[in-house]
Protein backbone atom coordinates (compact mmCIF):
# COMPACT_ATOMS: atom_id res chain seq x y z
CA UNK A 1 0.00 0.00 0.00
CA UNK A 2 1.23 3.48 -0.89
CA UNK A 3 1.88 6.03 1.79
CA UNK A 4 -0.34 9.11 1.89
CA UNK A 5 2.56 11.35 0.91
CA UNK A 6 3.42 9.15 -2.10
CA UNK A 7 -0.21 9.17 -3.20
CA UNK A 8 -0.40 12.96 -2.77
CA UNK A 9 2.72 13.38 -4.92
CA UNK A 10 1.27 11.16 -7.67
CA UNK A 11 -2.00 13.11 -7.65
CA UNK A 12 -0.16 16.41 -7.91
CA UNK A 13 1.79 15.10 -10.91
CA UNK A 14 -1.51 14.05 -12.49
CA UNK A 15 -2.92 17.54 -11.87
CA UNK A 16 0.03 19.16 -13.59
CA UNK A 17 -0.13 16.78 -16.57
CA UNK A 18 -3.88 17.00 -17.19
CA UNK A 19 -4.86 20.35 -15.69
CA UNK A 20 -1.71 22.44 -15.83
CA UNK A 21 -3.37 25.83 -15.41
CA UNK A 22 -5.74 24.72 -12.65
CA UNK A 23 -3.19 22.69 -10.72
CA UNK A 24 -1.78 25.84 -9.17
CA UNK A 25 -5.21 26.77 -7.83
CA UNK A 26 -5.76 23.42 -6.09
CA UNK A 27 -4.78 21.83 -2.79
CA UNK A 28 -4.48 18.07 -2.31
CA UNK A 29 -4.60 16.34 1.07
CA UNK A 30 -4.54 12.59 1.66
CA UNK A 31 -5.41 10.78 4.88
CA UNK A 32 -5.54 6.96 4.95
CA UNK A 33 -6.00 6.88 1.17
CA UNK A 34 -8.91 9.33 1.19
CA UNK A 35 -8.15 12.31 -1.03
CA UNK A 36 -9.54 15.77 -0.30
CA UNK A 37 -9.39 18.32 -3.10
CA UNK A 38 -9.98 22.01 -2.54
CA UNK A 39 -9.60 24.97 -4.86
CA UNK A 40 -10.93 26.07 -8.22
CA UNK A 41 -11.15 24.42 -11.61
CA UNK A 42 -12.07 26.00 -14.92
CA UNK A 43 -15.37 24.17 -15.53
CA UNK A 44 -17.69 21.42 -14.34
CA UNK A 45 -16.27 19.22 -17.09
CA UNK A 46 -12.79 19.66 -15.60
CA UNK A 47 -14.18 18.67 -12.17
CA UNK A 48 -15.68 15.48 -13.57
CA UNK A 49 -12.54 14.58 -15.50
CA UNK A 50 -10.39 15.26 -12.44
CA UNK A 51 -12.63 13.19 -10.14
CA UNK A 52 -12.60 10.30 -12.60
CA UNK A 53 -8.81 10.37 -12.99
CA UNK A 54 -8.18 10.44 -9.24
CA UNK A 55 -10.71 7.71 -8.38
CA UNK A 56 -8.96 5.37 -10.85
CA UNK A 57 -5.53 5.85 -9.28
CA UNK A 58 -4.19 2.86 -7.33
CA UNK A 59 -4.27 3.48 -3.59
CA UNK A 60 -7.19 5.94 -3.61
CA UNK A 61 -9.85 4.69 -1.21
CA UNK A 62 -12.16 7.67 -1.49
CA UNK A 63 -12.46 11.22 -2.78
CA UNK A 64 -13.88 14.32 -1.14
CA UNK A 65 -14.20 16.96 -3.83
CA UNK A 66 -14.51 20.47 -2.45
CA UNK A 67 -13.51 22.15 -5.70
CA UNK A 68 -15.56 24.86 -7.37
CA UNK A 69 -15.95 25.48 -11.09
CA UNK A 70 -14.81 29.06 -11.61
CA UNK A 71 -14.13 29.94 -15.24
CA UNK A 72 -11.21 32.24 -15.81
CA UNK A 73 -12.34 35.73 -16.76
CA UNK A 74 -11.52 36.76 -20.31
CA UNK A 75 -9.19 39.68 -20.77
CA UNK A 76 -11.00 42.99 -21.14
CA UNK A 77 -11.02 44.26 -24.72
CA UNK A 78 -9.06 41.24 -25.89
CA UNK A 79 -11.04 40.86 -29.13
CA UNK A 80 -10.37 43.61 -31.68
CA UNK A 81 -13.50 42.63 -33.63
CA UNK A 82 -15.87 43.51 -30.79
CA UNK A 83 -17.88 46.63 -31.57
CA UNK A 84 -17.02 49.61 -29.45
CA UNK A 85 -19.12 52.71 -28.99
CA UNK A 86 -18.11 55.64 -31.15
CA UNK A 87 -18.07 59.10 -29.71
CA UNK A 88 -17.01 62.22 -31.59
CA UNK A 89 -13.51 63.25 -30.68
CA UNK A 90 -12.46 59.86 -29.32
PDB file of N, CA and C in Angstrom:
ATOM      1  N   UNK A   1       0.840  -1.184   0.000  1.00  0.00           N
ATOM      2  CA  UNK A   1       0.000   0.000   0.000  1.00  0.00           C
ATOM      3  C   UNK A   1       0.882   1.243   0.000  1.00  0.00           C
ATOM      4  N   UNK A   2       0.476   2.236  -0.777  1.00  0.00           N
ATOM      5  CA  UNK A   2       1.231   3.477  -0.885  1.00  0.00           C
ATOM      6  C   UNK A   2       1.012   4.331   0.352  1.00  0.00           C
ATOM      7  N   UNK A   3       2.036   5.088   0.689  1.00  0.00           N
ATOM      8  CA  UNK A   3       1.881   6.034   1.790  1.00  0.00           C
ATOM      9  C   UNK A   3       1.053   7.223   1.304  1.00  0.00           C
ATOM     10  N   UNK A   4       0.467   7.938   2.242  1.00  0.00           N
ATOM     11  CA  UNK A   4      -0.336   9.108   1.894  1.00  0.00           C
ATOM     12  C   UNK A   4       0.493  10.154   1.157  1.00  0.00           C
ATOM     13  N   UNK A   5       1.732  10.339   1.573  1.00  0.00           N
ATOM     14  CA  UNK A   5       2.562  11.352   0.913  1.00  0.00           C
ATOM     15  C   UNK A   5       2.910  10.936  -0.519  1.00  0.00           C
ATOM     16  N   UNK A   6       3.158   9.629  -0.744  1.00  0.00           N
ATOM     17  CA  UNK A   6       3.420   9.152  -2.103  1.00  0.00           C
ATOM     18  C   UNK A   6       2.194   9.347  -2.996  1.00  0.00           C
ATOM     19  N   UNK A   7       1.029   9.021  -2.452  1.00  0.00           N
ATOM     20  CA  UNK A   7      -0.213   9.172  -3.196  1.00  0.00           C
ATOM     21  C   UNK A   7      -0.466  10.645  -3.520  1.00  0.00           C
ATOM     22  N   UNK A   8      -0.230  11.516  -2.556  1.00  0.00           N
ATOM     23  CA  UNK A   8      -0.397  12.957  -2.771  1.00  0.00           C
ATOM     24  C   UNK A   8       0.526  13.443  -3.888  1.00  0.00           C
ATOM     25  N   UNK A   9       1.778  12.989  -3.877  1.00  0.00           N
ATOM     26  CA  UNK A   9       2.724  13.380  -4.919  1.00  0.00           C
ATOM     27  C   UNK A   9       2.260  12.917  -6.293  1.00  0.00           C
ATOM     28  N   UNK A  10       1.755  11.694  -6.391  1.00  0.00           N
ATOM     29  CA  UNK A  10       1.267  11.164  -7.668  1.00  0.00           C
ATOM     30  C   UNK A  10       0.062  11.954  -8.176  1.00  0.00           C
ATOM     31  N   UNK A  11      -0.818  12.331  -7.261  1.00  0.00           N
ATOM     32  CA  UNK A  11      -1.997  13.108  -7.646  1.00  0.00           C
ATOM     33  C   UNK A  11      -1.571  14.487  -8.136  1.00  0.00           C
ATOM     34  N   UNK A  12      -0.615  15.095  -7.476  1.00  0.00           N
ATOM     35  CA  UNK A  12      -0.155  16.413  -7.909  1.00  0.00           C
ATOM     36  C   UNK A  12       0.488  16.345  -9.293  1.00  0.00           C
ATOM     37  N   UNK A  13       1.216  15.282  -9.577  1.00  0.00           N
ATOM     38  CA  UNK A  13       1.791  15.102 -10.914  1.00  0.00           C
ATOM     39  C   UNK A  13       0.666  14.973 -11.934  1.00  0.00           C
ATOM     40  N   UNK A  14      -0.357  14.213 -11.604  1.00  0.00           N
ATOM     41  CA  UNK A  14      -1.512  14.052 -12.494  1.00  0.00           C
ATOM     42  C   UNK A  14      -2.191  15.399 -12.740  1.00  0.00           C
ATOM     43  N   UNK A  15      -2.323  16.211 -11.714  1.00  0.00           N
ATOM     44  CA  UNK A  15      -2.922  17.539 -11.865  1.00  0.00           C
ATOM     45  C   UNK A  15      -2.123  18.389 -12.845  1.00  0.00           C
ATOM     46  N   UNK A  16      -0.825  18.356 -12.710  1.00  0.00           N
ATOM     47  CA  UNK A  16       0.029  19.159 -13.589  1.00  0.00           C
ATOM     48  C   UNK A  16      -0.062  18.659 -15.029  1.00  0.00           C
ATOM     49  N   UNK A  17      -0.092  17.346 -15.215  1.00  0.00           N
ATOM     50  CA  UNK A  17      -0.133  16.781 -16.571  1.00  0.00           C
ATOM     51  C   UNK A  17      -1.464  17.040 -17.262  1.00  0.00           C
ATOM     52  N   UNK A  18      -2.568  16.883 -16.554  1.00  0.00           N
ATOM     53  CA  UNK A  18      -3.881  17.004 -17.189  1.00  0.00           C
ATOM     54  C   UNK A  18      -4.504  18.385 -17.053  1.00  0.00           C
ATOM     55  N   UNK A  19      -4.203  19.072 -15.981  1.00  0.00           N
ATOM     56  CA  UNK A  19      -4.865  20.350 -15.693  1.00  0.00           C
ATOM     57  C   UNK A  19      -3.832  21.396 -15.319  1.00  0.00           C
ATOM     58  N   UNK A  20      -2.870  21.626 -16.190  1.00  0.00           N
ATOM     59  CA  UNK A  20      -1.707  22.443 -15.835  1.00  0.00           C
ATOM     60  C   UNK A  20      -2.073  23.826 -15.301  1.00  0.00           C
ATOM     61  N   UNK A  21      -3.038  24.494 -15.893  1.00  0.00           N
ATOM     62  CA  UNK A  21      -3.372  25.831 -15.414  1.00  0.00           C
ATOM     63  C   UNK A  21      -4.077  25.781 -14.059  1.00  0.00           C
ATOM     64  N   UNK A  22      -4.957  24.797 -13.881  1.00  0.00           N
ATOM     65  CA  UNK A  22      -5.738  24.723 -12.652  1.00  0.00           C
ATOM     66  C   UNK A  22      -4.973  24.104 -11.492  1.00  0.00           C
ATOM     67  N   UNK A  23      -3.925  23.378 -11.776  1.00  0.00           N
ATOM     68  CA  UNK A  23      -3.189  22.687 -10.716  1.00  0.00           C
ATOM     69  C   UNK A  23      -2.644  23.657  -9.681  1.00  0.00           C
ATOM     70  N   UNK A  24      -2.316  24.847 -10.092  1.00  0.00           N
ATOM     71  CA  UNK A  24      -1.783  25.839  -9.166  1.00  0.00           C
ATOM     72  C   UNK A  24      -2.861  26.384  -8.241  1.00  0.00           C
ATOM     73  N   UNK A  25      -4.113  26.255  -8.643  1.00  0.00           N
ATOM     74  CA  UNK A  25      -5.209  26.775  -7.826  1.00  0.00           C
ATOM     75  C   UNK A  25      -5.840  25.693  -6.940  1.00  0.00           C
ATOM     76  N   UNK A  26      -5.174  24.531  -6.816  1.00  0.00           N
ATOM     77  CA  UNK A  26      -5.759  23.419  -6.087  1.00  0.00           C
ATOM     78  C   UNK A  26      -4.867  22.964  -4.945  1.00  0.00           C
ATOM     79  N   UNK A  27      -5.502  22.408  -3.913  1.00  0.00           N
ATOM     80  CA  UNK A  27      -4.781  21.832  -2.786  1.00  0.00           C
ATOM     81  C   UNK A  27      -5.208  20.378  -2.659  1.00  0.00           C
ATOM     82  N   UNK A  28      -4.233  19.505  -2.424  1.00  0.00           N
ATOM     83  CA  UNK A  28      -4.484  18.067  -2.308  1.00  0.00           C
ATOM     84  C   UNK A  28      -4.039  17.614  -0.926  1.00  0.00           C
ATOM     85  N   UNK A  29      -4.935  16.941  -0.224  1.00  0.00           N
ATOM     86  CA  UNK A  29      -4.602  16.338   1.066  1.00  0.00           C
ATOM     87  C   UNK A  29      -5.034  14.880   1.021  1.00  0.00           C
ATOM     88  N   UNK A  30      -4.231  14.020   1.643  1.00  0.00           N
ATOM     89  CA  UNK A  30      -4.542  12.588   1.662  1.00  0.00           C
ATOM     90  C   UNK A  30      -4.408  12.087   3.083  1.00  0.00           C
ATOM     91  N   UNK A  31      -5.421  11.372   3.557  1.00  0.00           N
ATOM     92  CA  UNK A  31      -5.407  10.776   4.884  1.00  0.00           C
ATOM     93  C   UNK A  31      -5.973   9.365   4.772  1.00  0.00           C
ATOM     94  N   UNK A  32      -5.144   8.375   5.041  1.00  0.00           N
ATOM     95  CA  UNK A  32      -5.540   6.962   4.950  1.00  0.00           C
ATOM     96  C   UNK A  32      -6.128   6.608   3.585  1.00  0.00           C
ATOM     97  N   UNK A  33      -5.557   7.182   2.523  1.00  0.00           N
ATOM     98  CA  UNK A  33      -6.003   6.878   1.170  1.00  0.00           C
ATOM     99  C   UNK A  33      -7.209   7.667   0.703  1.00  0.00           C
ATOM    100  N   UNK A  34      -7.776   8.495   1.572  1.00  0.00           N
ATOM    101  CA  UNK A  34      -8.914   9.333   1.191  1.00  0.00           C
ATOM    102  C   UNK A  34      -8.372  10.699   0.783  1.00  0.00           C
ATOM    103  N   UNK A  35      -8.664  11.077  -0.450  1.00  0.00           N
ATOM    104  CA  UNK A  35      -8.147  12.309  -1.033  1.00  0.00           C
ATOM    105  C   UNK A  35      -9.171  13.425  -0.855  1.00  0.00           C
ATOM    106  N   UNK A  36      -8.699  14.581  -0.392  1.00  0.00           N
ATOM    107  CA  UNK A  36      -9.541  15.770  -0.296  1.00  0.00           C
ATOM    108  C   UNK A  36      -8.961  16.825  -1.221  1.00  0.00           C
ATOM    109  N   UNK A  37      -9.787  17.281  -2.168  1.00  0.00           N
ATOM    110  CA  UNK A  37      -9.388  18.325  -3.103  1.00  0.00           C
ATOM    111  C   UNK A  37     -10.113  19.612  -2.760  1.00  0.00           C
ATOM    112  N   UNK A  38      -9.377  20.697  -2.715  1.00  0.00           N
ATOM    113  CA  UNK A  38      -9.983  22.014  -2.540  1.00  0.00           C
ATOM    114  C   UNK A  38      -9.363  22.956  -3.559  1.00  0.00           C
ATOM    115  N   UNK A  39     -10.095  23.982  -3.916  1.00  0.00           N
ATOM    116  CA  UNK A  39      -9.602  24.969  -4.865  1.00  0.00           C
ATOM    117  C   UNK A  39     -10.581  25.158  -6.000  1.00  0.00           C
ATOM    118  N   UNK A  40     -10.089  25.739  -7.082  1.00  0.00           N
ATOM    119  CA  UNK A  40     -10.929  26.074  -8.221  1.00  0.00           C
ATOM    120  C   UNK A  40     -10.459  25.360  -9.475  1.00  0.00           C
ATOM    121  N   UNK A  41     -11.430  24.968 -10.295  1.00  0.00           N
ATOM    122  CA  UNK A  41     -11.150  24.417 -11.614  1.00  0.00           C
ATOM    123  C   UNK A  41     -11.885  25.273 -12.633  1.00  0.00           C
ATOM    124  N   UNK A  42     -11.518  25.128 -13.896  1.00  0.00           N
ATOM    125  CA  UNK A  42     -12.067  26.003 -14.922  1.00  0.00           C
ATOM    126  C   UNK A  42     -13.513  25.739 -15.317  1.00  0.00           C
ATOM    127  N   UNK A  43     -14.003  24.497 -15.117  1.00  0.00           N
ATOM    128  CA  UNK A  43     -15.370  24.171 -15.527  1.00  0.00           C
ATOM    129  C   UNK A  43     -15.843  22.911 -14.797  1.00  0.00           C
ATOM    130  N   UNK A  44     -17.144  22.660 -14.902  1.00  0.00           N
ATOM    131  CA  UNK A  44     -17.687  21.420 -14.340  1.00  0.00           C
ATOM    132  C   UNK A  44     -17.104  20.203 -15.049  1.00  0.00           C
ATOM    133  N   UNK A  45     -16.873  20.315 -16.345  1.00  0.00           N
ATOM    134  CA  UNK A  45     -16.272  19.217 -17.091  1.00  0.00           C
ATOM    135  C   UNK A  45     -14.888  18.883 -16.531  1.00  0.00           C
ATOM    136  N   UNK A  46     -14.106  19.907 -16.206  1.00  0.00           N
ATOM    137  CA  UNK A  46     -12.794  19.664 -15.597  1.00  0.00           C
ATOM    138  C   UNK A  46     -12.935  18.960 -14.253  1.00  0.00           C
ATOM    139  N   UNK A  47     -13.937  19.337 -13.469  1.00  0.00           N
ATOM    140  CA  UNK A  47     -14.180  18.670 -12.173  1.00  0.00           C
ATOM    141  C   UNK A  47     -14.452  17.191 -12.381  1.00  0.00           C
ATOM    142  N   UNK A  48     -15.315  16.870 -13.331  1.00  0.00           N
ATOM    143  CA  UNK A  48     -15.684  15.478 -13.572  1.00  0.00           C
ATOM    144  C   UNK A  48     -14.490  14.676 -14.061  1.00  0.00           C
ATOM    145  N   UNK A  49     -13.719  15.265 -14.979  1.00  0.00           N
ATOM    146  CA  UNK A  49     -12.536  14.576 -15.498  1.00  0.00           C
ATOM    147  C   UNK A  49     -11.516  14.353 -14.384  1.00  0.00           C
ATOM    148  N   UNK A  50     -11.335  15.353 -13.550  1.00  0.00           N
ATOM    149  CA  UNK A  50     -10.393  15.257 -12.438  1.00  0.00           C
ATOM    150  C   UNK A  50     -10.833  14.184 -11.450  1.00  0.00           C
ATOM    151  N   UNK A  51     -12.100  14.203 -11.060  1.00  0.00           N
ATOM    152  CA  UNK A  51     -12.626  13.189 -10.138  1.00  0.00           C
ATOM    153  C   UNK A  51     -12.416  11.784 -10.690  1.00  0.00           C
ATOM    154  N   UNK A  52     -12.734  11.611 -11.967  1.00  0.00           N
ATOM    155  CA  UNK A  52     -12.604  10.300 -12.601  1.00  0.00           C
ATOM    156  C   UNK A  52     -11.151   9.834 -12.600  1.00  0.00           C
ATOM    157  N   UNK A  53     -10.234  10.729 -12.942  1.00  0.00           N
ATOM    158  CA  UNK A  53      -8.813  10.367 -12.995  1.00  0.00           C
ATOM    159  C   UNK A  53      -8.284   9.988 -11.612  1.00  0.00           C
ATOM    160  N   UNK A  54      -8.689  10.714 -10.588  1.00  0.00           N
ATOM    161  CA  UNK A  54      -8.181  10.435  -9.236  1.00  0.00           C
ATOM    162  C   UNK A  54      -8.780   9.143  -8.685  1.00  0.00           C
ATOM    163  N   UNK A  55     -10.067   8.928  -8.895  1.00  0.00           N
ATOM    164  CA  UNK A  55     -10.710   7.709  -8.385  1.00  0.00           C
ATOM    165  C   UNK A  55     -10.085   6.442  -8.977  1.00  0.00           C
ATOM    166  N   UNK A  56      -9.553   6.530 -10.190  1.00  0.00           N
ATOM    167  CA  UNK A  56      -8.960   5.366 -10.853  1.00  0.00           C
ATOM    168  C   UNK A  56      -7.523   5.103 -10.415  1.00  0.00           C
ATOM    169  N   UNK A  57      -6.928   6.017  -9.678  1.00  0.00           N
ATOM    170  CA  UNK A  57      -5.527   5.846  -9.276  1.00  0.00           C
ATOM    171  C   UNK A  57      -5.398   4.770  -8.200  1.00  0.00           C
ATOM    172  N   UNK A  58      -4.412   3.888  -8.346  1.00  0.00           N
ATOM    173  CA  UNK A  58      -4.194   2.858  -7.332  1.00  0.00           C
ATOM    174  C   UNK A  58      -3.870   3.487  -5.974  1.00  0.00           C
ATOM    175  N   UNK A  59      -4.518   2.986  -4.944  1.00  0.00           N
ATOM    176  CA  UNK A  59      -4.272   3.475  -3.594  1.00  0.00           C
ATOM    177  C   UNK A  59      -5.310   4.457  -3.100  1.00  0.00           C
ATOM    178  N   UNK A  60      -6.142   4.993  -4.014  1.00  0.00           N
ATOM    179  CA  UNK A  60      -7.187   5.939  -3.612  1.00  0.00           C
ATOM    180  C   UNK A  60      -8.377   5.151  -3.089  1.00  0.00           C
ATOM    181  N   UNK A  61      -8.721   5.387  -1.825  1.00  0.00           N
ATOM    182  CA  UNK A  61      -9.845   4.688  -1.206  1.00  0.00           C
ATOM    183  C   UNK A  61     -11.127   5.506  -1.254  1.00  0.00           C
ATOM    184  N   UNK A  62     -10.996   6.796  -1.441  1.00  0.00           N
ATOM    185  CA  UNK A  62     -12.157   7.673  -1.495  1.00  0.00           C
ATOM    186  C   UNK A  62     -11.737   9.058  -1.932  1.00  0.00           C
ATOM    187  N   UNK A  63     -12.735   9.865  -2.310  1.00  0.00           N
ATOM    188  CA  UNK A  63     -12.462  11.223  -2.776  1.00  0.00           C
ATOM    189  C   UNK A  63     -13.501  12.171  -2.200  1.00  0.00           C
ATOM    190  N   UNK A  64     -13.018  13.226  -1.600  1.00  0.00           N
ATOM    191  CA  UNK A  64     -13.877  14.317  -1.141  1.00  0.00           C
ATOM    192  C   UNK A  64     -13.531  15.513  -2.013  1.00  0.00           C
ATOM    193  N   UNK A  65     -14.452  15.887  -2.868  1.00  0.00           N
ATOM    194  CA  UNK A  65     -14.204  16.957  -3.829  1.00  0.00           C
ATOM    195  C   UNK A  65     -14.858  18.243  -3.333  1.00  0.00           C
ATOM    196  N   UNK A  66     -14.026  19.174  -2.909  1.00  0.00           N
ATOM    197  CA  UNK A  66     -14.510  20.475  -2.449  1.00  0.00           C
ATOM    198  C   UNK A  66     -14.144  21.571  -3.444  1.00  0.00           C
ATOM    199  N   UNK A  67     -13.874  21.171  -4.686  1.00  0.00           N
ATOM    200  CA  UNK A  67     -13.508  22.152  -5.700  1.00  0.00           C
ATOM    201  C   UNK A  67     -14.739  22.889  -6.192  1.00  0.00           C
ATOM    202  N   UNK A  68     -14.490  24.057  -6.783  1.00  0.00           N
ATOM    203  CA  UNK A  68     -15.557  24.861  -7.371  1.00  0.00           C
ATOM    204  C   UNK A  68     -15.183  25.167  -8.814  1.00  0.00           C
ATOM    205  N   UNK A  69     -16.173  25.113  -9.695  1.00  0.00           N
ATOM    206  CA  UNK A  69     -15.952  25.476 -11.087  1.00  0.00           C
ATOM    207  C   UNK A  69     -16.034  26.988 -11.209  1.00  0.00           C
ATOM    208  N   UNK A  70     -14.887  27.602 -11.468  1.00  0.00           N
ATOM    209  CA  UNK A  70     -14.806  29.057 -11.607  1.00  0.00           C
ATOM    210  C   UNK A  70     -14.055  29.351 -12.903  1.00  0.00           C
ATOM    211  N   UNK A  71     -14.798  29.663 -13.969  1.00  0.00           N
ATOM    212  CA  UNK A  71     -14.128  29.943 -15.239  1.00  0.00           C
ATOM    213  C   UNK A  71     -13.224  31.160 -15.110  1.00  0.00           C
ATOM    214  N   UNK A  72     -12.104  31.097 -15.802  1.00  0.00           N
ATOM    215  CA  UNK A  72     -11.205  32.241 -15.807  1.00  0.00           C
ATOM    216  C   UNK A  72     -11.849  33.360 -16.603  1.00  0.00           C
ATOM    217  N   UNK A  73     -11.739  34.576 -16.094  1.00  0.00           N
ATOM    218  CA  UNK A  73     -12.338  35.731 -16.757  1.00  0.00           C
ATOM    219  C   UNK A  73     -11.544  36.073 -18.020  1.00  0.00           C
ATOM    220  N   UNK A  74     -12.250  36.362 -19.098  1.00  0.00           N
ATOM    221  CA  UNK A  74     -11.525  36.765 -20.311  1.00  0.00           C
ATOM    222  C   UNK A  74     -10.894  38.135 -20.111  1.00  0.00           C
ATOM    223  N   UNK A  75      -9.851  38.386 -20.846  1.00  0.00           N
ATOM    224  CA  UNK A  75      -9.190  39.678 -20.765  1.00  0.00           C
ATOM    225  C   UNK A  75     -10.106  40.755 -21.330  1.00  0.00           C
ATOM    226  N   UNK A  76     -10.164  41.890 -20.661  1.00  0.00           N
ATOM    227  CA  UNK A  76     -10.996  42.992 -21.135  1.00  0.00           C
ATOM    228  C   UNK A  76     -10.457  43.501 -22.471  1.00  0.00           C
ATOM    229  N   UNK A  77     -11.365  43.728 -23.399  1.00  0.00           N
ATOM    230  CA  UNK A  77     -11.019  44.261 -24.717  1.00  0.00           C
ATOM    231  C   UNK A  77      -9.983  43.404 -25.435  1.00  0.00           C
ATOM    232  N   UNK A  78     -10.053  42.100 -25.263  1.00  0.00           N
ATOM    233  CA  UNK A  78      -9.065  41.236 -25.891  1.00  0.00           C
ATOM    234  C   UNK A  78      -9.403  40.897 -27.345  1.00  0.00           C
ATOM    235  N   UNK A  79     -10.621  41.169 -27.769  1.00  0.00           N
ATOM    236  CA  UNK A  79     -11.036  40.860 -29.131  1.00  0.00           C
ATOM    237  C   UNK A  79     -11.173  42.145 -29.938  1.00  0.00           C
ATOM    238  N   UNK A  80     -10.310  42.352 -30.916  1.00  0.00           N
ATOM    239  CA  UNK A  80     -10.371  43.610 -31.675  1.00  0.00           C
ATOM    240  C   UNK A  80     -11.609  43.711 -32.559  1.00  0.00           C
ATOM    241  N   UNK A  81     -12.319  42.601 -32.781  1.00  0.00           N
ATOM    242  CA  UNK A  81     -13.504  42.630 -33.632  1.00  0.00           C
ATOM    243  C   UNK A  81     -14.775  42.998 -32.878  1.00  0.00           C
ATOM    244  N   UNK A  82     -14.688  43.142 -31.566  1.00  0.00           N
ATOM    245  CA  UNK A  82     -15.865  43.509 -30.786  1.00  0.00           C
ATOM    246  C   UNK A  82     -16.193  44.978 -31.053  1.00  0.00           C
ATOM    247  N   UNK A  83     -17.467  45.244 -31.314  1.00  0.00           N
ATOM    248  CA  UNK A  83     -17.880  46.627 -31.573  1.00  0.00           C
ATOM    249  C   UNK A  83     -17.701  47.476 -30.323  1.00  0.00           C
ATOM    250  N   UNK A  84     -17.196  48.667 -30.555  1.00  0.00           N
ATOM    251  CA  UNK A  84     -17.017  49.607 -29.453  1.00  0.00           C
ATOM    252  C   UNK A  84     -17.848  50.855 -29.761  1.00  0.00           C
ATOM    253  N   UNK A  85     -18.338  51.499 -28.732  1.00  0.00           N
ATOM    254  CA  UNK A  85     -19.120  52.710 -28.987  1.00  0.00           C
ATOM    255  C   UNK A  85     -18.235  53.793 -29.636  1.00  0.00           C
ATOM    256  N   UNK A  86     -18.848  54.547 -30.502  1.00  0.00           N
ATOM    257  CA  UNK A  86     -18.111  55.637 -31.155  1.00  0.00           C
ATOM    258  C   UNK A  86     -18.620  56.945 -30.594  1.00  0.00           C
ATOM    259  N   UNK A  87     -17.720  57.778 -30.196  1.00  0.00           N
ATOM    260  CA  UNK A  87     -18.072  59.103 -29.714  1.00  0.00           C
ATOM    261  C   UNK A  87     -17.216  60.110 -30.467  1.00  0.00           C
ATOM    262  N   UNK A  88     -17.814  61.215 -30.879  1.00  0.00           N
ATOM    263  CA  UNK A  88     -17.013  62.223 -31.589  1.00  0.00           C
ATOM    264  C   UNK A  88     -15.820  62.673 -30.746  1.00  0.00           C
ATOM    265  N   UNK A  89     -14.696  62.761 -31.371  1.00  0.00           N
ATOM    266  CA  UNK A  89     -13.505  63.248 -30.681  1.00  0.00           C
ATOM    267  C   UNK A  89     -12.753  62.161 -29.929  1.00  0.00           C
ATOM    268  N   UNK A  90     -13.188  60.917 -30.058  1.00  0.00           N
ATOM    269  CA  UNK A  90     -12.464  59.857 -29.324  1.00  0.00           C
ATOM    270  C   UNK A  90     -11.687  58.988 -30.263  1.00  0.00           C
TER     271      UNK A  90
END
